């Protein structure tokens, strides 16, 4: 999947845009599962199929900071020019 501060996306069967869903995922290093609400956005075409996109709604500040740290750590691990 693809995680950002604004939401998450993954290749899979499309959901109805506009509906509210619960999304669960785990962030390293704790791998403790978190659950957030999100709004389904229209799907985008991906290389291997449609990409389901969910925009986070009312993301707690602590979780937003944890996601930001995770994304920062991931970017440090990427080889130069990988983006």
PDB file of N, CA and C in Angstrom:
ATOM      1  N   UNK A   1       0.808  -1.186   0.000  1.00  0.00           N
ATOM      2  CA  UNK A   1       0.000   0.000   0.000  1.00  0.00           C
ATOM      3  C   UNK A   1       0.854   1.254   0.000  1.00  0.00           C
ATOM      4  N   UNK A   2       0.199   2.354  -0.133  1.00  0.00           N
ATOM      5  CA  UNK A   2       0.854   3.656  -0.189  1.00  0.00           C
ATOM      6  C   UNK A   2       0.286   4.525   0.927  1.00  0.00           C
ATOM      7  N   UNK A   3       1.135   4.930   1.843  1.00  0.00           N
ATOM      8  CA  UNK A   3       0.716   5.707   3.007  1.00  0.00           C
ATOM      9  C   UNK A   3       1.245   7.131   2.906  1.00  0.00           C
ATOM     10  N   UNK A   4       0.402   8.102   3.248  1.00  0.00           N
ATOM     11  CA  UNK A   4       0.822   9.503   3.323  1.00  0.00           C
ATOM     12  C   UNK A   4       0.152  10.127   4.542  1.00  0.00           C
ATOM     13  N   UNK A   5       0.486  11.377   4.821  1.00  0.00           N
ATOM     14  CA  UNK A   5      -0.163  12.063   5.944  1.00  0.00           C
ATOM     15  C   UNK A   5      -1.650  12.274   5.688  1.00  0.00           C
ATOM     16  N   UNK A   6      -2.032  12.337   4.421  1.00  0.00           N
ATOM     17  CA  UNK A   6      -3.427  12.607   4.087  1.00  0.00           C
ATOM     18  C   UNK A   6      -4.296  11.386   3.939  1.00  0.00           C
ATOM     19  N   UNK A   7      -3.672  10.216   3.744  1.00  0.00           N
ATOM     20  CA  UNK A   7      -4.487   9.029   3.539  1.00  0.00           C
ATOM     21  C   UNK A   7      -3.655   7.832   3.134  1.00  0.00           C
ATOM     22  N   UNK A   8      -4.354   6.852   2.552  1.00  0.00           N
ATOM     23  CA  UNK A   8      -3.721   5.598   2.192  1.00  0.00           C
ATOM     24  C   UNK A   8      -4.339   5.099   0.891  1.00  0.00           C
ATOM     25  N   UNK A   9      -3.557   4.337   0.143  1.00  0.00           N
ATOM     26  CA  UNK A   9      -4.062   3.752  -1.085  1.00  0.00           C
ATOM     27  C   UNK A   9      -3.501   2.354  -1.265  1.00  0.00           C
ATOM     28  N   UNK A  10      -4.234   1.517  -1.996  1.00  0.00           N
ATOM     29  CA  UNK A  10      -3.775   0.167  -2.276  1.00  0.00           C
ATOM     30  C   UNK A  10      -4.465  -0.330  -3.531  1.00  0.00           C
ATOM     31  N   UNK A  11      -3.844  -1.296  -4.189  1.00  0.00           N
ATOM     32  CA  UNK A  11      -4.436  -1.906  -5.372  1.00  0.00           C
ATOM     33  C   UNK A  11      -5.467  -2.915  -4.901  1.00  0.00           C
ATOM     34  N   UNK A  12      -6.662  -2.790  -5.430  1.00  0.00           N
ATOM     35  CA  UNK A  12      -7.711  -3.723  -5.037  1.00  0.00           C
ATOM     36  C   UNK A  12      -9.043  -3.355  -5.648  1.00  0.00           C
ATOM     37  N   UNK A  13     -10.043  -4.080  -5.243  1.00  0.00           N
ATOM     38  CA  UNK A  13     -11.386  -3.841  -5.746  1.00  0.00           C
ATOM     39  C   UNK A  13     -11.884  -2.481  -5.268  1.00  0.00           C
ATOM     40  N   UNK A  14     -12.447  -1.722  -6.187  1.00  0.00           N
ATOM     41  CA  UNK A  14     -12.889  -0.359  -5.883  1.00  0.00           C
ATOM     42  C   UNK A  14     -14.000  -0.339  -4.839  1.00  0.00           C
ATOM     43  N   UNK A  15     -13.952   0.669  -3.994  1.00  0.00           N
ATOM     44  CA  UNK A  15     -15.018   0.937  -3.029  1.00  0.00           C
ATOM     45  C   UNK A  15     -15.834   2.108  -3.558  1.00  0.00           C
ATOM     46  N   UNK A  16     -17.018   2.308  -3.014  1.00  0.00           N
ATOM     47  CA  UNK A  16     -17.874   3.404  -3.461  1.00  0.00           C
ATOM     48  C   UNK A  16     -17.328   4.744  -2.971  1.00  0.00           C
ATOM     49  N   UNK A  17     -16.985   5.651  -3.895  1.00  0.00           N
ATOM     50  CA  UNK A  17     -16.501   6.973  -3.491  1.00  0.00           C
ATOM     51  C   UNK A  17     -17.516   7.682  -2.601  1.00  0.00           C
ATOM     52  N   UNK A  18     -17.001   8.372  -1.587  1.00  0.00           N
ATOM     53  CA  UNK A  18     -17.853   9.127  -0.678  1.00  0.00           C
ATOM     54  C   UNK A  18     -18.224   8.387   0.586  1.00  0.00           C
ATOM     55  N   UNK A  19     -18.109   7.066   0.584  1.00  0.00           N
ATOM     56  CA  UNK A  19     -18.479   6.338   1.797  1.00  0.00           C
ATOM     57  C   UNK A  19     -17.388   6.470   2.849  1.00  0.00           C
ATOM     58  N   UNK A  20     -17.779   6.364   4.113  1.00  0.00           N
ATOM     59  CA  UNK A  20     -16.838   6.410   5.230  1.00  0.00           C
ATOM     60  C   UNK A  20     -16.461   4.984   5.601  1.00  0.00           C
ATOM     61  N   UNK A  21     -15.163   4.743   5.784  1.00  0.00           N
ATOM     62  CA  UNK A  21     -14.666   3.412   6.117  1.00  0.00           C
ATOM     63  C   UNK A  21     -13.700   3.504   7.292  1.00  0.00           C
ATOM     64  N   UNK A  22     -13.455   2.375   7.911  1.00  0.00           N
ATOM     65  CA  UNK A  22     -12.429   2.246   8.949  1.00  0.00           C
ATOM     66  C   UNK A  22     -11.229   1.551   8.307  1.00  0.00           C
ATOM     67  N   UNK A  23     -10.052   2.123   8.479  1.00  0.00           N
ATOM     68  CA  UNK A  23      -8.822   1.558   7.928  1.00  0.00           C
ATOM     69  C   UNK A  23      -7.920   1.184   9.092  1.00  0.00           C
ATOM     70  N   UNK A  24      -7.354  -0.026   9.023  1.00  0.00           N
ATOM     71  CA  UNK A  24      -6.429  -0.478  10.070  1.00  0.00           C
ATOM     72  C   UNK A  24      -5.079  -0.771   9.439  1.00  0.00           C
ATOM     73  N   UNK A  25      -4.025  -0.358  10.140  1.00  0.00           N
ATOM     74  CA  UNK A  25      -2.668  -0.636   9.690  1.00  0.00           C
ATOM     75  C   UNK A  25      -1.731  -0.537  10.883  1.00  0.00           C
ATOM     76  N   UNK A  26      -0.506  -1.000  10.694  1.00  0.00           N
ATOM     77  CA  UNK A  26       0.500  -0.962  11.762  1.00  0.00           C
ATOM     78  C   UNK A  26       1.728  -0.214  11.256  1.00  0.00           C
ATOM     79  N   UNK A  27       2.326   0.557  12.146  1.00  0.00           N
ATOM     80  CA  UNK A  27       3.548   1.296  11.824  1.00  0.00           C
ATOM     81  C   UNK A  27       4.711   0.729  12.624  1.00  0.00           C
ATOM     82  N   UNK A  28       5.872   0.544  11.984  1.00  0.00           N
ATOM     83  CA  UNK A  28       7.045   0.142  12.751  1.00  0.00           C
ATOM     84  C   UNK A  28       7.465   1.280  13.672  1.00  0.00           C
ATOM     85  N   UNK A  29       8.168   1.095  14.728  1.00  0.00           N
ATOM     86  CA  UNK A  29       8.725  -0.187  15.131  1.00  0.00           C
ATOM     87  C   UNK A  29       7.781  -1.008  16.004  1.00  0.00           C
ATOM     88  N   UNK A  30       6.729  -0.404  16.544  1.00  0.00           N
ATOM     89  CA  UNK A  30       5.884  -1.127  17.501  1.00  0.00           C
ATOM     90  C   UNK A  30       4.984  -2.146  16.821  1.00  0.00           C
ATOM     91  N   UNK A  31       4.586  -1.887  15.576  1.00  0.00           N
ATOM     92  CA  UNK A  31       3.645  -2.725  14.836  1.00  0.00           C
ATOM     93  C   UNK A  31       2.306  -2.864  15.542  1.00  0.00           C
ATOM     94  N   UNK A  32       2.038  -1.933  16.464  1.00  0.00           N
ATOM     95  CA  UNK A  32       0.727  -1.898  17.112  1.00  0.00           C
ATOM     96  C   UNK A  32      -0.289  -1.411  16.086  1.00  0.00           C
ATOM     97  N   UNK A  33      -1.379  -2.149  15.955  1.00  0.00           N
ATOM     98  CA  UNK A  33      -2.387  -1.799  14.957  1.00  0.00           C
ATOM     99  C   UNK A  33      -3.144  -0.544  15.368  1.00  0.00           C
ATOM    100  N   UNK A  34      -3.320   0.361  14.400  1.00  0.00           N
ATOM    101  CA  UNK A  34      -4.109   1.567  14.624  1.00  0.00           C
ATOM    102  C   UNK A  34      -5.318   1.511  13.703  1.00  0.00           C
ATOM    103  N   UNK A  35      -6.357   2.205  14.091  1.00  0.00           N
ATOM    104  CA  UNK A  35      -7.583   2.235  13.303  1.00  0.00           C
ATOM    105  C   UNK A  35      -8.010   3.685  13.143  1.00  0.00           C
ATOM    106  N   UNK A  36      -8.262   4.090  11.898  1.00  0.00           N
ATOM    107  CA  UNK A  36      -8.679   5.459  11.617  1.00  0.00           C
ATOM    108  C   UNK A  36      -9.860   5.447  10.655  1.00  0.00           C
ATOM    109  N   UNK A  37     -10.629   6.531  10.718  1.00  0.00           N
ATOM    110  CA  UNK A  37     -11.741   6.690   9.782  1.00  0.00           C
ATOM    111  C   UNK A  37     -11.244   7.418   8.549  1.00  0.00           C
ATOM    112  N   UNK A  38     -11.862   7.092   7.430  1.00  0.00           N
ATOM    113  CA  UNK A  38     -11.488   7.761   6.201  1.00  0.00           C
ATOM    114  C   UNK A  38     -12.647   7.826   5.229  1.00  0.00           C
ATOM    115  N   UNK A  39     -12.501   8.697   4.250  1.00  0.00           N
ATOM    116  CA  UNK A  39     -13.498   8.845   3.192  1.00  0.00           C
ATOM    117  C   UNK A  39     -12.917   8.272   1.903  1.00  0.00           C
ATOM    118  N   UNK A  40     -13.677   7.403   1.251  1.00  0.00           N
ATOM    119  CA  UNK A  40     -13.231   6.795   0.002  1.00  0.00           C
ATOM    120  C   UNK A  40     -13.264   7.843  -1.110  1.00  0.00           C
ATOM    121  N   UNK A  41     -12.146   7.952  -1.824  1.00  0.00           N
ATOM    122  CA  UNK A  41     -12.038   8.849  -2.973  1.00  0.00           C
ATOM    123  C   UNK A  41     -12.205   8.029  -4.253  1.00  0.00           C
ATOM    124  N   UNK A  42     -12.469   8.675  -5.380  1.00  0.00           N
ATOM    125  CA  UNK A  42     -12.547   7.922  -6.635  1.00  0.00           C
ATOM    126  C   UNK A  42     -11.234   7.180  -6.891  1.00  0.00           C
ATOM    127  N   UNK A  43     -11.305   5.969  -7.439  1.00  0.00           N
ATOM    128  CA  UNK A  43     -10.077   5.200  -7.681  1.00  0.00           C
ATOM    129  C   UNK A  43      -9.233   5.833  -8.780  1.00  0.00           C
ATOM    130  N   UNK A  44      -7.945   5.506  -8.744  1.00  0.00           N
ATOM    131  CA  UNK A  44      -7.013   5.930  -9.793  1.00  0.00           C
ATOM    132  C   UNK A  44      -6.522   4.671 -10.501  1.00  0.00           C
ATOM    133  N   UNK A  45      -6.145   4.825 -11.743  1.00  0.00           N
ATOM    134  CA  UNK A  45      -5.564   3.699 -12.469  1.00  0.00           C
ATOM    135  C   UNK A  45      -4.143   3.468 -11.965  1.00  0.00           C
ATOM    136  N   UNK A  46      -3.838   2.221 -11.639  1.00  0.00           N
ATOM    137  CA  UNK A  46      -2.496   1.856 -11.218  1.00  0.00           C
ATOM    138  C   UNK A  46      -1.872   0.913 -12.230  1.00  0.00           C
ATOM    139  N   UNK A  47      -0.595   0.641 -12.087  1.00  0.00           N
ATOM    140  CA  UNK A  47       0.099  -0.237 -13.034  1.00  0.00           C
ATOM    141  C   UNK A  47      -0.429  -1.662 -12.991  1.00  0.00           C
ATOM    142  N   UNK A  48      -0.921  -2.099 -11.828  1.00  0.00           N
ATOM    143  CA  UNK A  48      -1.397  -3.481 -11.700  1.00  0.00           C
ATOM    144  C   UNK A  48      -2.888  -3.563 -11.409  1.00  0.00           C
ATOM    145  N   UNK A  49      -3.595  -2.462 -11.555  1.00  0.00           N
ATOM    146  CA  UNK A  49      -5.036  -2.452 -11.322  1.00  0.00           C
ATOM    147  C   UNK A  49      -5.474  -1.154 -10.684  1.00  0.00           C
ATOM    148  N   UNK A  50      -6.779  -1.036 -10.399  1.00  0.00           N
ATOM    149  CA  UNK A  50      -7.277   0.198  -9.788  1.00  0.00           C
ATOM    150  C   UNK A  50      -6.723   0.394  -8.375  1.00  0.00           C
ATOM    151  N   UNK A  51      -6.412   1.641  -8.046  1.00  0.00           N
ATOM    152  CA  UNK A  51      -5.894   1.975  -6.717  1.00  0.00           C
ATOM    153  C   UNK A  51      -7.033   2.564  -5.894  1.00  0.00           C
ATOM    154  N   UNK A  52      -7.386   1.865  -4.820  1.00  0.00           N
ATOM    155  CA  UNK A  52      -8.381   2.350  -3.871  1.00  0.00           C
ATOM    156  C   UNK A  52      -7.708   3.440  -3.051  1.00  0.00           C
ATOM    157  N   UNK A  53      -8.370   4.591  -2.912  1.00  0.00           N
ATOM    158  CA  UNK A  53      -7.782   5.702  -2.154  1.00  0.00           C
ATOM    159  C   UNK A  53      -8.730   6.110  -1.037  1.00  0.00           C
ATOM    160  N   UNK A  54      -8.169   6.287   0.162  1.00  0.00           N
ATOM    161  CA  UNK A  54      -8.956   6.695   1.327  1.00  0.00           C
ATOM    162  C   UNK A  54      -8.271   7.900   1.963  1.00  0.00           C
ATOM    163  N   UNK A  55      -9.022   8.982   2.115  1.00  0.00           N
ATOM    164  CA  UNK A  55      -8.518  10.204   2.767  1.00  0.00           C
ATOM    165  C   UNK A  55      -8.854  10.119   4.245  1.00  0.00           C
ATOM    166  N   UNK A  56      -7.840  10.297   5.098  1.00  0.00           N
ATOM    167  CA  UNK A  56      -8.073  10.243   6.541  1.00  0.00           C
ATOM    168  C   UNK A  56      -9.009  11.365   6.982  1.00  0.00           C
ATOM    169  N   UNK A  57      -9.874  11.049   7.938  1.00  0.00           N
ATOM    170  CA  UNK A  57     -10.803  12.014   8.527  1.00  0.00           C
ATOM    171  C   UNK A  57     -10.517  12.058  10.023  1.00  0.00           C
ATOM    172  N   UNK A  58     -10.285  13.244  10.564  1.00  0.00           N
ATOM    173  CA  UNK A  58     -10.053  13.423  12.004  1.00  0.00           C
ATOM    174  C   UNK A  58      -8.905  12.551  12.514  1.00  0.00           C
ATOM    175  N   UNK A  59      -7.760  12.662  11.855  1.00  0.00           N
ATOM    176  CA  UNK A  59      -6.581  11.901  12.258  1.00  0.00           C
ATOM    177  C   UNK A  59      -6.027  12.479  13.560  1.00  0.00           C
ATOM    178  N   UNK A  60      -5.891  11.656  14.614  1.00  0.00           N
ATOM    179  CA  UNK A  60      -5.333  12.163  15.872  1.00  0.00           C
ATOM    180  C   UNK A  60      -3.902  12.681  15.662  1.00  0.00           C
ATOM    181  N   UNK A  61      -3.554  13.747  16.361  1.00  0.00           N
ATOM    182  CA  UNK A  61      -2.240  14.375  16.213  1.00  0.00           C
ATOM    183  C   UNK A  61      -1.119  13.374  16.476  1.00  0.00           C
ATOM    184  N   UNK A  62      -1.278  12.530  17.495  1.00  0.00           N
ATOM    185  CA  UNK A  62      -0.224  11.558  17.829  1.00  0.00           C
ATOM    186  C   UNK A  62       0.022  10.617  16.653  1.00  0.00           C
ATOM    187  N   UNK A  63      -1.049  10.188  15.996  1.00  0.00           N
ATOM    188  CA  UNK A  63      -0.909   9.279  14.861  1.00  0.00           C
ATOM    189  C   UNK A  63      -0.323  10.008  13.652  1.00  0.00           C
ATOM    190  N   UNK A  64      -0.721  11.244  13.458  1.00  0.00           N
ATOM    191  CA  UNK A  64      -0.156  12.036  12.359  1.00  0.00           C
ATOM    192  C   UNK A  64       1.355  12.178  12.539  1.00  0.00           C
ATOM    193  N   UNK A  65       1.793  12.427  13.767  1.00  0.00           N
ATOM    194  CA  UNK A  65       3.230  12.531  14.041  1.00  0.00           C
ATOM    195  C   UNK A  65       3.935  11.198  13.819  1.00  0.00           C
ATOM    196  N   UNK A  66       3.302  10.097  14.227  1.00  0.00           N
ATOM    197  CA  UNK A  66       3.892   8.772  14.033  1.00  0.00           C
ATOM    198  C   UNK A  66       4.031   8.458  12.541  1.00  0.00           C
ATOM    199  N   UNK A  67       3.021   8.809  11.752  1.00  0.00           N
ATOM    200  CA  UNK A  67       3.090   8.596  10.303  1.00  0.00           C
ATOM    201  C   UNK A  67       4.206   9.451   9.710  1.00  0.00           C
ATOM    202  N   UNK A  68       4.305  10.711  10.133  1.00  0.00           N
ATOM    203  CA  UNK A  68       5.355  11.603   9.627  1.00  0.00           C
ATOM    204  C   UNK A  68       6.740  11.037   9.937  1.00  0.00           C
ATOM    205  N   UNK A  69       6.933  10.525  11.149  1.00  0.00           N
ATOM    206  CA  UNK A  69       8.227   9.927  11.511  1.00  0.00           C
ATOM    207  C   UNK A  69       8.512   8.713  10.629  1.00  0.00           C
ATOM    208  N   UNK A  70       7.498   7.868  10.433  1.00  0.00           N
ATOM    209  CA  UNK A  70       7.660   6.671   9.606  1.00  0.00           C
ATOM    210  C   UNK A  70       8.042   7.052   8.173  1.00  0.00           C
ATOM    211  N   UNK A  71       7.340   8.027   7.600  1.00  0.00           N
ATOM    212  CA  UNK A  71       7.633   8.451   6.231  1.00  0.00           C
ATOM    213  C   UNK A  71       9.031   9.054   6.130  1.00  0.00           C
ATOM    214  N   UNK A  72       9.433   9.806   7.151  1.00  0.00           N
ATOM    215  CA  UNK A  72      10.778  10.380   7.176  1.00  0.00           C
ATOM    216  C   UNK A  72      11.828   9.275   7.223  1.00  0.00           C
ATOM    217  N   UNK A  73      11.597   8.271   8.070  1.00  0.00           N
ATOM    218  CA  UNK A  73      12.527   7.140   8.161  1.00  0.00           C
ATOM    219  C   UNK A  73      12.609   6.401   6.825  1.00  0.00           C
ATOM    220  N   UNK A  74      11.461   6.214   6.170  1.00  0.00           N
ATOM    221  CA  UNK A  74      11.431   5.520   4.883  1.00  0.00           C
ATOM    222  C   UNK A  74      12.225   6.290   3.835  1.00  0.00           C
ATOM    223  N   UNK A  75      12.084   7.614   3.823  1.00  0.00           N
ATOM    224  CA  UNK A  75      12.786   8.411   2.813  1.00  0.00           C
ATOM    225  C   UNK A  75      14.298   8.366   3.028  1.00  0.00           C
ATOM    226  N   UNK A  76      14.731   8.217   4.267  1.00  0.00           N
ATOM    227  CA  UNK A  76      16.166   8.118   4.550  1.00  0.00           C
ATOM    228  C   UNK A  76      16.725   6.782   4.080  1.00  0.00           C
ATOM    229  N   UNK A  77      15.867   5.746   4.044  1.00  0.00           N
ATOM    230  CA  UNK A  77      16.300   4.413   3.629  1.00  0.00           C
ATOM    231  C   UNK A  77      16.315   4.236   2.113  1.00  0.00           C
ATOM    232  N   UNK A  78      15.639   5.145   1.367  1.00  0.00           N
ATOM    233  CA  UNK A  78      15.583   5.026  -0.088  1.00  0.00           C
ATOM    234  C   UNK A  78      16.924   5.397  -0.699  1.00  0.00           C
ATOM    235  N   UNK A  79      17.336   4.648  -1.736  1.00  0.00           N
ATOM    236  CA  UNK A  79      18.545   5.065  -2.457  1.00  0.00           C
ATOM    237  C   UNK A  79      18.289   6.389  -3.166  1.00  0.00           C
ATOM    238  N   UNK A  80      19.328   7.185  -3.342  1.00  0.00           N
ATOM    239  CA  UNK A  80      19.168   8.477  -4.026  1.00  0.00           C
ATOM    240  C   UNK A  80      18.588   8.263  -5.418  1.00  0.00           C
ATOM    241  N   UNK A  81      17.646   9.133  -5.782  1.00  0.00           N
ATOM    242  CA  UNK A  81      17.036   9.062  -7.100  1.00  0.00           C
ATOM    243  C   UNK A  81      15.926   8.039  -7.219  1.00  0.00           C
ATOM    244  N   UNK A  82      15.535   7.400  -6.117  1.00  0.00           N
ATOM    245  CA  UNK A  82      14.505   6.359  -6.169  1.00  0.00           C
ATOM    246  C   UNK A  82      13.110   6.932  -6.268  1.00  0.00           C
ATOM    247  N   UNK A  83      12.934   8.210  -5.974  1.00  0.00           N
ATOM    248  CA  UNK A  83      11.593   8.797  -5.976  1.00  0.00           C
ATOM    249  C   UNK A  83      11.100   9.095  -7.345  1.00  0.00           C
TER     250      UNK A  83
END
